[in-house]
Structure formats: structure tokens, C-alpha cells
Amino acid sequence: MDFRNVLRKNAIRTRFVIATYLLLMLMIGLLVDTAIGANPYLDLTDNMLAFLTFKTLPIATLIILAISILLLIFIHFKGHKIMLTGMNARLISPDGTLNAQERQLLNIVEELSLSATLGYIPKLYLLDTPEANAFAAGWSEKNAFIGVTTGLLNRLNRQEVQAVLAHETGHIIHGDSRLTLYVGILANVILTVTNIFGSRLYIASGNRGGKSNDAASKARLILIILNLVLPIITQVLYFYLSRTREYMADATAVDLTQDNQAMINALKKISAQHDTENFEDGSTGRAYRKAAFIFNKGDSFFSTHPSIENRIAVLEGRKTF
């Protein structure tokens, strides 16, 4: 696996997805402003340009932006905590009384943190569930942690556990938790605004002449159309971003451990269990953990993870993504 090439491709794709979300948010804000306060002497395009250049104050766009910023601030400080809700999670502290397995886990995390030059050691949580899985959250010394299930520890050997923890360390290194939470917030703001203005809010065109009505009507029509197609577009983009981050975390695991076979074996064992057992539940945390788990069934436009077959093919150098 060409680790540097994987990182380069993923960085390009990430920038593309983020730019697309921001452009969608800007376009929707300008459409809402036009639908509410179209200038009677300008057509749709000129109205949107007037709001974009602040010749007319884009009140709706600024409100949407302000709401997004507030939600992003909240997620920045509280989002990582949601990941543990609904799970019987126990902090494995180096200051506590530890058995041999727990000590080994802490040693692995410490080794990986040093190899990755993180500058700190993420917290480690043991999750009491038969499901073989793991996930990471956070991106700094204050909020980074790795969660490992007892089911995973019971099925994998030390090298395979180390590969899984290296994968999760990769997510922390690259701030994947922060990125996916931020993108999720942007997607929800976009969908909420288009839903309100596209199907529920009927705005009177006013009595300022045909041109005004025409521009506002076109803006509302576009919002109605976007209300139908954006749920699909935003989800496809979100899942695409999530899948690329999994490939990058696999690449990071190989780079940190210098062993692609351990990662391959771990993925095979984890996926084999999930083929025969179902651990889905409806907890709030589960919805957030789904994209963060090392394994989740996929490989479609609406999957958070690539298929195990594709991940193994990339790890073995038989395929690029």
C-alpha cells in the first residue's frame, strides 16, 4: 500500500466534499433571501448576486450561517461525549487496578501514540458487549478516546488488536471524528432549511409587480426541488466522505504497525462475526457510532464503510480507491 498516495487522494476528496456542502449552504441561503425579499426590478440571478455582494443585506443567509456556527461550537465541545451514550463503557485508567488484558491494551495505545507522535495518550474505554468492534472519537488531548468491545478482545490476538487500535489512532490523528460531526451538522442545517422553505412555508409574493413575483416564485420552486433531491445528495456525500476516511485509517494502521496482514486478519474475523450475529440497537449513541465503528456492512452509495473485500484488496495492493 502506498500510504502517502492514500493520504493525498483522501485530502483531495475531503476538500471536495466540504466545498460542496459550503456551496450548497450558500446557495440555499441566497435562494431563501430571494424568496423572501426579491427586488421587484431584478431577475432571480441578479437578486442572488445582490445578496451575495451585500448590495442587499442577506438576512436569511446570515441567520443560517449563525445557526450553523453555534451548532458547530456545541458539537466541538460536546459531540465526542455522545459517542458513549447507550453503552456500558468503563474507563481503563493507568492509575486503577488492571488485569493483564487491560494492561496490555494500555501498553498498545501508549506505543501507538508514541509512534504517531501524538504528544498525548488517548483515553481508553472498554465496552461490555459481545459485538466485535472498536471506534475512536475526539481529536485532542482533552477529548480523544478509543472504545474497544470485549467481543473484539475475545476474538482477536495481540497483533490483530494492535492493528485495530492503530486504525482508530489514525482516525484521531486525522481528526475524522470532528470532520464527520461537522459535516453531519452542515447536512442537517441544509436539509432543515430546504424542508421549511421548500415545502412548509408559503411566502406571499407581494404586490410589487410581475418581476418581483417571478424572481421569488422561481426561488421557491428551486427550493421545492432541492427539498426533494438534497436528502439524497447530502447523504451520498456524507457516506462517501466516511468511506474514504476508513481507507485512510487502514493505511495509517499499516504505517504505524508495519504489518498489513494483521489488519487484514482482524477485518476478516470481525466481519465473519457480523455475518452471523446482529447487534443493532436504537440508542442515540449508536447512530453516531455507526460511521465510527471499524466495521459496518457496506459498499454502496449509502454505506458508511467500504466492503471488507475492497478494504482487503487495497491493503494487499490489488486495488486503489
Foldseek 3Di string as FASTA:
>chain_A
DPLVVLVVVLVVLLVVLVVVLVVLLLLLLLLVQLLADNDLVDAQVVSSVCCVVPVDPSVSSVVLVVVLVVQLVCCQVCVLVLLCPPWPKDWLDPPDDDDPLSVLLQVLQVLLCVLLVQVAGATEIETEDLAAWKFWAEQHNVRTYIYGYPNNVVQADSLLSSLRSLLRVLCNPVVVRSSLSSLVSSLVSSLVSLCCLQPPDDHDQDDSDDNSSNNSVVSNPVSVVCNVCSVLVSQLSSLVSLASSLLSSSSSSCVSSVDLVSNLVSLVRNVVVVVPDDDDDDTSSCVSCQSGINDDDDDDSNHNHHHSVVSNCVSVVNDDD
